[in-house]
Amino acid sequence: MTTEDFFEIGASGKIYRRDFVIANLLERYEQPEPHDWPCRDFSIRRLAENLYLLNYTLDEPGRTTLRTTIWQSSGGSWKIVFHQGTIAG
């Protein structure tokens, strides 16, 4: 669900490329950890035709992060172009 040029800026400020993110997620799915991390304060904003900005707050154990994801619609499917997590508290 990501574009070929997808990248993420983690809460640490480090940049992660698509291949790393996918490999990391596959590792996590092999040994899933139970979690109940509530999300709130969703907002969405159209940036251009077929391009949208999604913002939300994620409450993880011990920290709250502000999340931003850019989604692109193409050929009837949605893909993530960019994602960022910023520690809020």
PDB file of N, CA and C in Angstrom:
ATOM      1  N   MET A   1       0.821  -1.200   0.000  1.00  0.00           N
ATOM      2  CA  MET A   1       0.000   0.000   0.000  1.00  0.00           C
ATOM      3  C   MET A   1       0.862   1.260   0.000  1.00  0.00           C
ATOM      4  N   THR A   2       2.071   1.165  -0.532  1.00  0.00           N
ATOM      5  CA  THR A   2       2.947   2.332  -0.585  1.00  0.00           C
ATOM      6  C   THR A   2       3.417   2.554  -2.014  1.00  0.00           C
ATOM      7  N   THR A   3       3.709   3.815  -2.323  1.00  0.00           N
ATOM      8  CA  THR A   3       4.297   4.122  -3.620  1.00  0.00           C
ATOM      9  C   THR A   3       5.748   3.651  -3.626  1.00  0.00           C
ATOM     10  N   GLU A   4       6.326   3.498  -4.794  1.00  0.00           N
ATOM     11  CA  GLU A   4       7.714   3.031  -4.901  1.00  0.00           C
ATOM     12  C   GLU A   4       8.689   3.991  -4.228  1.00  0.00           C
ATOM     13  N   ASP A   5       8.364   5.295  -4.223  1.00  0.00           N
ATOM     14  CA  ASP A   5       9.271   6.287  -3.635  1.00  0.00           C
ATOM     15  C   ASP A   5       8.870   6.687  -2.211  1.00  0.00           C
ATOM     16  N   PHE A   6       8.024   5.869  -1.565  1.00  0.00           N
ATOM     17  CA  PHE A   6       7.587   6.128  -0.197  1.00  0.00           C
ATOM     18  C   PHE A   6       8.777   6.276   0.747  1.00  0.00           C
ATOM     19  N   PHE A   7       8.629   7.181   1.719  1.00  0.00           N
ATOM     20  CA  PHE A   7       9.557   7.233   2.847  1.00  0.00           C
ATOM     21  C   PHE A   7       8.823   7.748   4.065  1.00  0.00           C
ATOM     22  N   GLU A   8       9.441   7.515   5.225  1.00  0.00           N
ATOM     23  CA  GLU A   8       8.852   7.891   6.502  1.00  0.00           C
ATOM     24  C   GLU A   8       9.896   8.622   7.327  1.00  0.00           C
ATOM     25  N   ILE A   9       9.442   9.619   8.074  1.00  0.00           N
ATOM     26  CA  ILE A   9      10.283  10.249   9.081  1.00  0.00           C
ATOM     27  C   ILE A   9       9.731   9.792  10.420  1.00  0.00           C
ATOM     28  N   GLY A  10      10.544   9.025  11.148  1.00  0.00           N
ATOM     29  CA  GLY A  10      10.117   8.474  12.430  1.00  0.00           C
ATOM     30  C   GLY A  10      10.100   9.533  13.515  1.00  0.00           C
ATOM     31  N   ALA A  11       9.538   9.162  14.659  1.00  0.00           N
ATOM     32  CA  ALA A  11       9.466  10.079  15.794  1.00  0.00           C
ATOM     33  C   ALA A  11      10.859  10.506  16.254  1.00  0.00           C
ATOM     34  N   SER A  12      11.869   9.691  15.943  1.00  0.00           N
ATOM     35  CA  SER A  12      13.255  10.005  16.302  1.00  0.00           C
ATOM     36  C   SER A  12      13.870  11.049  15.361  1.00  0.00           C
ATOM     37  N   GLY A  13      13.198  11.294  14.235  1.00  0.00           N
ATOM     38  CA  GLY A  13      13.741  12.194  13.226  1.00  0.00           C
ATOM     39  C   GLY A  13      14.498  11.460  12.129  1.00  0.00           C
ATOM     40  N   LYS A  14      14.667  10.161  12.286  1.00  0.00           N
ATOM     41  CA  LYS A  14      15.380   9.350  11.298  1.00  0.00           C
ATOM     42  C   LYS A  14      14.488   9.076  10.092  1.00  0.00           C
ATOM     43  N   ILE A  15      15.091   9.059   8.913  1.00  0.00           N
ATOM     44  CA  ILE A  15      14.367   8.774   7.676  1.00  0.00           C
ATOM     45  C   ILE A  15      14.448   7.283   7.379  1.00  0.00           C
ATOM     46  N   TYR A  16      13.298   6.705   7.076  1.00  0.00           N
ATOM     47  CA  TYR A  16      13.214   5.291   6.732  1.00  0.00           C
ATOM     48  C   TYR A  16      12.669   5.163   5.321  1.00  0.00           C
ATOM     49  N   ARG A  17      13.347   4.392   4.493  1.00  0.00           N
ATOM     50  CA  ARG A  17      12.908   4.142   3.115  1.00  0.00           C
ATOM     51  C   ARG A  17      11.938   2.965   3.073  1.00  0.00           C
ATOM     52  N   ARG A  18      11.261   2.850   1.970  1.00  0.00           N
ATOM     53  CA  ARG A  18      10.198   1.858   1.772  1.00  0.00           C
ATOM     54  C   ARG A  18      10.639   0.439   2.119  1.00  0.00           C
ATOM     55  N   ASP A  19      11.775  -0.017   1.600  1.00  0.00           N
ATOM     56  CA  ASP A  19      12.215  -1.389   1.831  1.00  0.00           C
ATOM     57  C   ASP A  19      12.417  -1.675   3.313  1.00  0.00           C
ATOM     58  N   PHE A  20      12.998  -0.732   4.048  1.00  0.00           N
ATOM     59  CA  PHE A  20      13.214  -0.920   5.482  1.00  0.00           C
ATOM     60  C   PHE A  20      11.884  -1.011   6.220  1.00  0.00           C
ATOM     61  N   VAL A  21      10.960  -0.132   5.900  1.00  0.00           N
ATOM     62  CA  VAL A  21       9.662  -0.114   6.585  1.00  0.00           C
ATOM     63  C   VAL A  21       8.919  -1.428   6.348  1.00  0.00           C
ATOM     64  N   ILE A  22       8.905  -1.904   5.120  1.00  0.00           N
ATOM     65  CA  ILE A  22       8.211  -3.156   4.808  1.00  0.00           C
ATOM     66  C   ILE A  22       8.863  -4.327   5.540  1.00  0.00           C
ATOM     67  N   ALA A  23      10.195  -4.398   5.535  1.00  0.00           N
ATOM     68  CA  ALA A  23      10.899  -5.481   6.237  1.00  0.00           C
ATOM     69  C   ALA A  23      10.601  -5.437   7.734  1.00  0.00           C
ATOM     70  N   ASN A  24      10.570  -4.242   8.300  1.00  0.00           N
ATOM     71  CA  ASN A  24      10.295  -4.084   9.727  1.00  0.00           C
ATOM     72  C   ASN A  24       8.877  -4.532  10.064  1.00  0.00           C
ATOM     73  N   LEU A  25       7.923  -4.166   9.241  1.00  0.00           N
ATOM     74  CA  LEU A  25       6.537  -4.585   9.471  1.00  0.00           C
ATOM     75  C   LEU A  25       6.382  -6.095   9.359  1.00  0.00           C
ATOM     76  N   LEU A  26       7.053  -6.708   8.396  1.00  0.00           N
ATOM     77  CA  LEU A  26       6.981  -8.160   8.255  1.00  0.00           C
ATOM     78  C   LEU A  26       7.540  -8.857   9.493  1.00  0.00           C
ATOM     79  N   GLU A  27       8.628  -8.332  10.053  1.00  0.00           N
ATOM     80  CA  GLU A  27       9.175  -8.878  11.299  1.00  0.00           C
ATOM     81  C   GLU A  27       8.173  -8.776  12.438  1.00  0.00           C
ATOM     82  N   ARG A  28       7.531  -7.626  12.545  1.00  0.00           N
ATOM     83  CA  ARG A  28       6.551  -7.421  13.618  1.00  0.00           C
ATOM     84  C   ARG A  28       5.365  -8.370  13.479  1.00  0.00           C
ATOM     85  N   TYR A  29       4.940  -8.634  12.262  1.00  0.00           N
ATOM     86  CA  TYR A  29       3.796  -9.523  12.050  1.00  0.00           C
ATOM     87  C   TYR A  29       4.133 -10.965  12.401  1.00  0.00           C
ATOM     88  N   GLU A  30       5.418 -11.344  12.338  1.00  0.00           N
ATOM     89  CA  GLU A  30       5.818 -12.704  12.712  1.00  0.00           C
ATOM     90  C   GLU A  30       5.642 -12.944  14.207  1.00  0.00           C
ATOM     91  N   GLN A  31       5.860 -11.900  15.017  1.00  0.00           N
ATOM     92  CA  GLN A  31       5.703 -11.996  16.470  1.00  0.00           C
ATOM     93  C   GLN A  31       4.875 -10.804  16.946  1.00  0.00           C
ATOM     94  N   PRO A  32       3.580 -10.839  16.657  1.00  0.00           N
ATOM     95  CA  PRO A  32       2.738  -9.683  16.999  1.00  0.00           C
ATOM     96  C   PRO A  32       2.653  -9.453  18.504  1.00  0.00           C
ATOM     97  N   GLU A  33       2.648  -8.203  18.863  1.00  0.00           N
ATOM     98  CA  GLU A  33       2.470  -7.801  20.256  1.00  0.00           C
ATOM     99  C   GLU A  33       1.058  -7.263  20.416  1.00  0.00           C
ATOM    100  N   PRO A  34       0.352  -7.730  21.449  1.00  0.00           N
ATOM    101  CA  PRO A  34      -0.993  -7.179  21.660  1.00  0.00           C
ATOM    102  C   PRO A  34      -0.891  -5.705  22.053  1.00  0.00           C
ATOM    103  N   HIS A  35      -1.746  -4.910  21.487  1.00  0.00           N
ATOM    104  CA  HIS A  35      -1.764  -3.499  21.856  1.00  0.00           C
ATOM    105  C   HIS A  35      -3.150  -2.920  21.657  1.00  0.00           C
ATOM    106  N   ASP A  36      -3.405  -1.891  22.410  1.00  0.00           N
ATOM    107  CA  ASP A  36      -4.649  -1.149  22.288  1.00  0.00           C
ATOM    108  C   ASP A  36      -4.264   0.320  22.312  1.00  0.00           C
ATOM    109  N   TRP A  37      -3.782   0.805  21.181  1.00  0.00           N
ATOM    110  CA  TRP A  37      -3.309   2.175  21.088  1.00  0.00           C
ATOM    111  C   TRP A  37      -4.398   3.029  20.435  1.00  0.00           C
ATOM    112  N   PRO A  38      -5.107   3.784  21.242  1.00  0.00           N
ATOM    113  CA  PRO A  38      -6.194   4.592  20.695  1.00  0.00           C
ATOM    114  C   PRO A  38      -5.682   5.698  19.760  1.00  0.00           C
ATOM    115  N   CYS A  39      -6.425   5.912  18.720  1.00  0.00           N
ATOM    116  CA  CYS A  39      -6.180   7.021  17.789  1.00  0.00           C
ATOM    117  C   CYS A  39      -7.334   8.014  17.942  1.00  0.00           C
ATOM    118  N   ARG A  40      -7.009   9.291  17.780  1.00  0.00           N
ATOM    119  CA  ARG A  40      -8.058  10.312  17.938  1.00  0.00           C
ATOM    120  C   ARG A  40      -7.694  11.546  17.112  1.00  0.00           C
ATOM    121  N   ASP A  41      -8.599  12.489  17.107  1.00  0.00           N
ATOM    122  CA  ASP A  41      -8.397  13.788  16.454  1.00  0.00           C
ATOM    123  C   ASP A  41      -8.046  13.657  14.968  1.00  0.00           C
ATOM    124  N   PHE A  42      -8.780  12.811  14.272  1.00  0.00           N
ATOM    125  CA  PHE A  42      -8.535  12.628  12.847  1.00  0.00           C
ATOM    126  C   PHE A  42      -8.949  13.869  12.054  1.00  0.00           C
ATOM    127  N   SER A  43      -8.149  14.204  11.072  1.00  0.00           N
ATOM    128  CA  SER A  43      -8.537  15.235  10.109  1.00  0.00           C
ATOM    129  C   SER A  43      -7.951  14.850   8.761  1.00  0.00           C
ATOM    130  N   ILE A  44      -8.641  15.265   7.720  1.00  0.00           N
ATOM    131  CA  ILE A  44      -8.175  14.980   6.366  1.00  0.00           C
ATOM    132  C   ILE A  44      -8.303  16.248   5.541  1.00  0.00           C
ATOM    133  N   ARG A  45      -7.337  16.440   4.655  1.00  0.00           N
ATOM    134  CA  ARG A  45      -7.316  17.658   3.844  1.00  0.00           C
ATOM    135  C   ARG A  45      -6.862  17.313   2.431  1.00  0.00           C
ATOM    136  N   ARG A  46      -7.605  17.782   1.463  1.00  0.00           N
ATOM    137  CA  ARG A  46      -7.235  17.562   0.071  1.00  0.00           C
ATOM    138  C   ARG A  46      -6.089  18.502  -0.288  1.00  0.00           C
ATOM    139  N   LEU A  47      -4.991  17.936  -0.781  1.00  0.00           N
ATOM    140  CA  LEU A  47      -3.841  18.737  -1.186  1.00  0.00           C
ATOM    141  C   LEU A  47      -3.860  19.036  -2.684  1.00  0.00           C
ATOM    142  N   ALA A  48      -4.323  18.074  -3.451  1.00  0.00           N
ATOM    143  CA  ALA A  48      -4.421  18.192  -4.908  1.00  0.00           C
ATOM    144  C   ALA A  48      -5.356  17.087  -5.379  1.00  0.00           C
ATOM    145  N   GLU A  49      -5.643  17.056  -6.651  1.00  0.00           N
ATOM    146  CA  GLU A  49      -6.492  15.997  -7.168  1.00  0.00           C
ATOM    147  C   GLU A  49      -5.841  14.648  -6.864  1.00  0.00           C
ATOM    148  N   ASN A  50      -6.576  13.772  -6.217  1.00  0.00           N
ATOM    149  CA  ASN A  50      -6.128  12.425  -5.859  1.00  0.00           C
ATOM    150  C   ASN A  50      -4.997  12.377  -4.832  1.00  0.00           C
ATOM    151  N   LEU A  51      -4.815  13.458  -4.054  1.00  0.00           N
ATOM    152  CA  LEU A  51      -3.764  13.506  -3.038  1.00  0.00           C
ATOM    153  C   LEU A  51      -4.327  14.112  -1.757  1.00  0.00           C
ATOM    154  N   TYR A  52      -4.243  13.355  -0.647  1.00  0.00           N
ATOM    155  CA  TYR A  52      -4.856  13.782   0.612  1.00  0.00           C
ATOM    156  C   TYR A  52      -3.885  13.653   1.779  1.00  0.00           C
ATOM    157  N   LEU A  53      -4.014  14.572   2.722  1.00  0.00           N
ATOM    158  CA  LEU A  53      -3.218  14.595   3.941  1.00  0.00           C
ATOM    159  C   LEU A  53      -4.095  14.136   5.100  1.00  0.00           C
ATOM    160  N   LEU A  54      -3.671  13.090   5.804  1.00  0.00           N
ATOM    161  CA  LEU A  54      -4.375  12.572   6.969  1.00  0.00           C
ATOM    162  C   LEU A  54      -3.544  12.871   8.207  1.00  0.00           C
ATOM    163  N   ASN A  55      -4.160  13.484   9.217  1.00  0.00           N
ATOM    164  CA  ASN A  55      -3.507  13.743  10.501  1.00  0.00           C
ATOM    165  C   ASN A  55      -4.311  13.069  11.604  1.00  0.00           C
ATOM    166  N   TYR A  56      -3.605  12.547  12.601  1.00  0.00           N
ATOM    167  CA  TYR A  56      -4.264  11.969  13.764  1.00  0.00           C
ATOM    168  C   TYR A  56      -3.285  11.910  14.924  1.00  0.00           C
ATOM    169  N   THR A  57      -3.805  11.664  16.097  1.00  0.00           N
ATOM    170  CA  THR A  57      -3.001  11.506  17.308  1.00  0.00           C
ATOM    171  C   THR A  57      -3.057  10.048  17.720  1.00  0.00           C
ATOM    172  N   LEU A  58      -1.882   9.483  18.040  1.00  0.00           N
ATOM    173  CA  LEU A  58      -1.782   8.093  18.478  1.00  0.00           C
ATOM    174  C   LEU A  58      -1.281   8.078  19.915  1.00  0.00           C
ATOM    175  N   ASP A  59      -2.054   7.458  20.799  1.00  0.00           N
ATOM    176  CA  ASP A  59      -1.682   7.350  22.202  1.00  0.00           C
ATOM    177  C   ASP A  59      -1.063   5.977  22.447  1.00  0.00           C
ATOM    178  N   GLU A  60       0.264   5.944  22.495  1.00  0.00           N
ATOM    179  CA  GLU A  60       1.010   4.718  22.762  1.00  0.00           C
ATOM    180  C   GLU A  60       1.348   4.668  24.250  1.00  0.00           C
ATOM    181  N   PRO A  61       1.716   3.502  24.764  1.00  0.00           N
ATOM    182  CA  PRO A  61       2.133   3.442  26.170  1.00  0.00           C
ATOM    183  C   PRO A  61       3.358   4.340  26.406  1.00  0.00           C
ATOM    184  N   GLY A  62       3.221   5.310  27.271  1.00  0.00           N
ATOM    185  CA  GLY A  62       4.334   6.172  27.624  1.00  0.00           C
ATOM    186  C   GLY A  62       4.582   7.367  26.735  1.00  0.00           C
ATOM    187  N   ARG A  63       3.846   7.492  25.644  1.00  0.00           N
ATOM    188  CA  ARG A  63       4.033   8.669  24.792  1.00  0.00           C
ATOM    189  C   ARG A  63       2.837   8.868  23.871  1.00  0.00           C
ATOM    190  N   THR A  64       2.703  10.103  23.441  1.00  0.00           N
ATOM    191  CA  THR A  64       1.684  10.470  22.460  1.00  0.00           C
ATOM    192  C   THR A  64       2.413  11.003  21.238  1.00  0.00           C
ATOM    193  N   THR A  65       1.987  10.560  20.061  1.00  0.00           N
ATOM    194  CA  THR A  65       2.607  11.044  18.832  1.00  0.00           C
ATOM    195  C   THR A  65       1.554  11.620  17.895  1.00  0.00           C
ATOM    196  N   LEU A  66       1.958  12.648  17.183  1.00  0.00           N
ATOM    197  CA  LEU A  66       1.143  13.227  16.116  1.00  0.00           C
ATOM    198  C   LEU A  66       1.579  12.548  14.827  1.00  0.00           C
ATOM    199  N   ARG A  67       0.630  12.053  14.072  1.00  0.00           N
ATOM    200  CA  ARG A  67       0.926  11.302  12.853  1.00  0.00           C
ATOM    201  C   ARG A  67       0.387  12.025  11.631  1.00  0.00           C
ATOM    202  N   THR A  68       1.159  11.988  10.569  1.00  0.00           N
ATOM    203  CA  THR A  68       0.777  12.582   9.302  1.00  0.00           C
ATOM    204  C   THR A  68       1.059  11.575   8.196  1.00  0.00           C
ATOM    205  N   THR A  69       0.077  11.333   7.356  1.00  0.00           N
ATOM    206  CA  THR A  69       0.238  10.418   6.236  1.00  0.00           C
ATOM    207  C   THR A  69      -0.339  11.073   4.985  1.00  0.00           C
ATOM    208  N   ILE A  70       0.411  11.004   3.898  1.00  0.00           N
ATOM    209  CA  ILE A  70      -0.088  11.496   2.614  1.00  0.00           C
ATOM    210  C   ILE A  70      -0.488  10.284   1.782  1.00  0.00           C
ATOM    211  N   TRP A  71      -1.744  10.298   1.343  1.00  0.00           N
ATOM    212  CA  TRP A  71      -2.327   9.216   0.546  1.00  0.00           C
ATOM    213  C   TRP A  71      -2.584   9.691  -0.877  1.00  0.00           C
ATOM    214  N   GLN A  72      -2.350   8.797  -1.836  1.00  0.00           N
ATOM    215  CA  GLN A  72      -2.575   9.109  -3.249  1.00  0.00           C
ATOM    216  C   GLN A  72      -3.482   8.046  -3.862  1.00  0.00           C
ATOM    217  N   SER A  73      -4.477   8.502  -4.589  1.00  0.00           N
ATOM    218  CA  SER A  73      -5.372   7.602  -5.294  1.00  0.00           C
ATOM    219  C   SER A  73      -4.927   7.512  -6.752  1.00  0.00           C
ATOM    220  N   SER A  74      -4.784   6.266  -7.227  1.00  0.00           N
ATOM    221  CA  SER A  74      -4.363   6.062  -8.607  1.00  0.00           C
ATOM    222  C   SER A  74      -4.901   4.729  -9.102  1.00  0.00           C
ATOM    223  N   GLY A  75      -5.563   4.753 -10.217  1.00  0.00           N
ATOM    224  CA  GLY A  75      -6.073   3.519 -10.798  1.00  0.00           C
ATOM    225  C   GLY A  75      -7.059   2.779  -9.916  1.00  0.00           C
ATOM    226  N   GLY A  76      -7.797   3.513  -9.081  1.00  0.00           N
ATOM    227  CA  GLY A  76      -8.806   2.894  -8.234  1.00  0.00           C
ATOM    228  C   GLY A  76      -8.282   2.355  -6.916  1.00  0.00           C
ATOM    229  N   SER A  77      -7.005   2.569  -6.616  1.00  0.00           N
ATOM    230  CA  SER A  77      -6.479   2.122  -5.331  1.00  0.00           C
ATOM    231  C   SER A  77      -5.754   3.273  -4.633  1.00  0.00           C
ATOM    232  N   TRP A  78      -5.596   3.128  -3.323  1.00  0.00           N
ATOM    233  CA  TRP A  78      -4.937   4.137  -2.501  1.00  0.00           C
ATOM    234  C   TRP A  78      -3.579   3.637  -2.066  1.00  0.00           C
ATOM    235  N   LYS A  79      -2.587   4.529  -2.108  1.00  0.00           N
ATOM    236  CA  LYS A  79      -1.239   4.190  -1.658  1.00  0.00           C
ATOM    237  C   LYS A  79      -0.681   5.324  -0.811  1.00  0.00           C
ATOM    238  N   ILE A  80       0.188   4.948   0.131  1.00  0.00           N
ATOM    239  CA  ILE A  80       0.837   5.932   0.994  1.00  0.00           C
ATOM    240  C   ILE A  80       2.084   6.460   0.296  1.00  0.00           C
ATOM    241  N   VAL A  81       2.201   7.776   0.250  1.00  0.00           N
ATOM    242  CA  VAL A  81       3.346   8.449  -0.353  1.00  0.00           C
ATOM    243  C   VAL A  81       4.379   8.793   0.722  1.00  0.00           C
ATOM    244  N   PHE A  82       3.884   9.197   1.917  1.00  0.00           N
ATOM    245  CA  PHE A  82       4.739   9.709   2.983  1.00  0.00           C
ATOM    246  C   PHE A  82       4.061   9.509   4.328  1.00  0.00           C
ATOM    247  N   HIS A  83       4.883   9.296   5.353  1.00  0.00           N
ATOM    248  CA  HIS A  83       4.347   9.190   6.718  1.00  0.00           C
ATOM    249  C   HIS A  83       5.356   9.815   7.683  1.00  0.00           C
ATOM    250  N   GLN A  84       4.840  10.470   8.725  1.00  0.00           N
ATOM    251  CA  GLN A  84       5.705  11.029   9.758  1.00  0.00           C
ATOM    252  C   GLN A  84       5.036  10.902  11.115  1.00  0.00           C
ATOM    253  N   GLY A  85       5.851  10.592  12.126  1.00  0.00           N
ATOM    254  CA  GLY A  85       5.399  10.570  13.510  1.00  0.00           C
ATOM    255  C   GLY A  85       6.236  11.561  14.319  1.00  0.00           C
ATOM    256  N   THR A  86       5.578  12.403  15.089  1.00  0.00           N
ATOM    257  CA  THR A  86       6.271  13.400  15.894  1.00  0.00           C
ATOM    258  C   THR A  86       5.813  13.268  17.348  1.00  0.00           C
ATOM    259  N   ILE A  87       6.765  13.139  18.254  1.00  0.00           N
ATOM    260  CA  ILE A  87       6.418  13.009  19.670  1.00  0.00           C
ATOM    261  C   ILE A  87       5.772  14.291  20.167  1.00  0.00           C
ATOM    262  N   ALA A  88       4.609  14.142  20.798  1.00  0.00           N
ATOM    263  CA  ALA A  88       3.873  15.302  21.308  1.00  0.00           C
ATOM    264  C   ALA A  88       3.896  15.353  22.824  1.00  0.00           C
ATOM    265  N   GLY A  89       4.116  14.256  23.466  1.00  0.00           N
ATOM    266  CA  GLY A  89       4.124  14.251  24.928  1.00  0.00           C
ATOM    267  C   GLY A  89       4.203  12.870  25.489  1.00  0.00           C
TER     268      GLY A  89
END
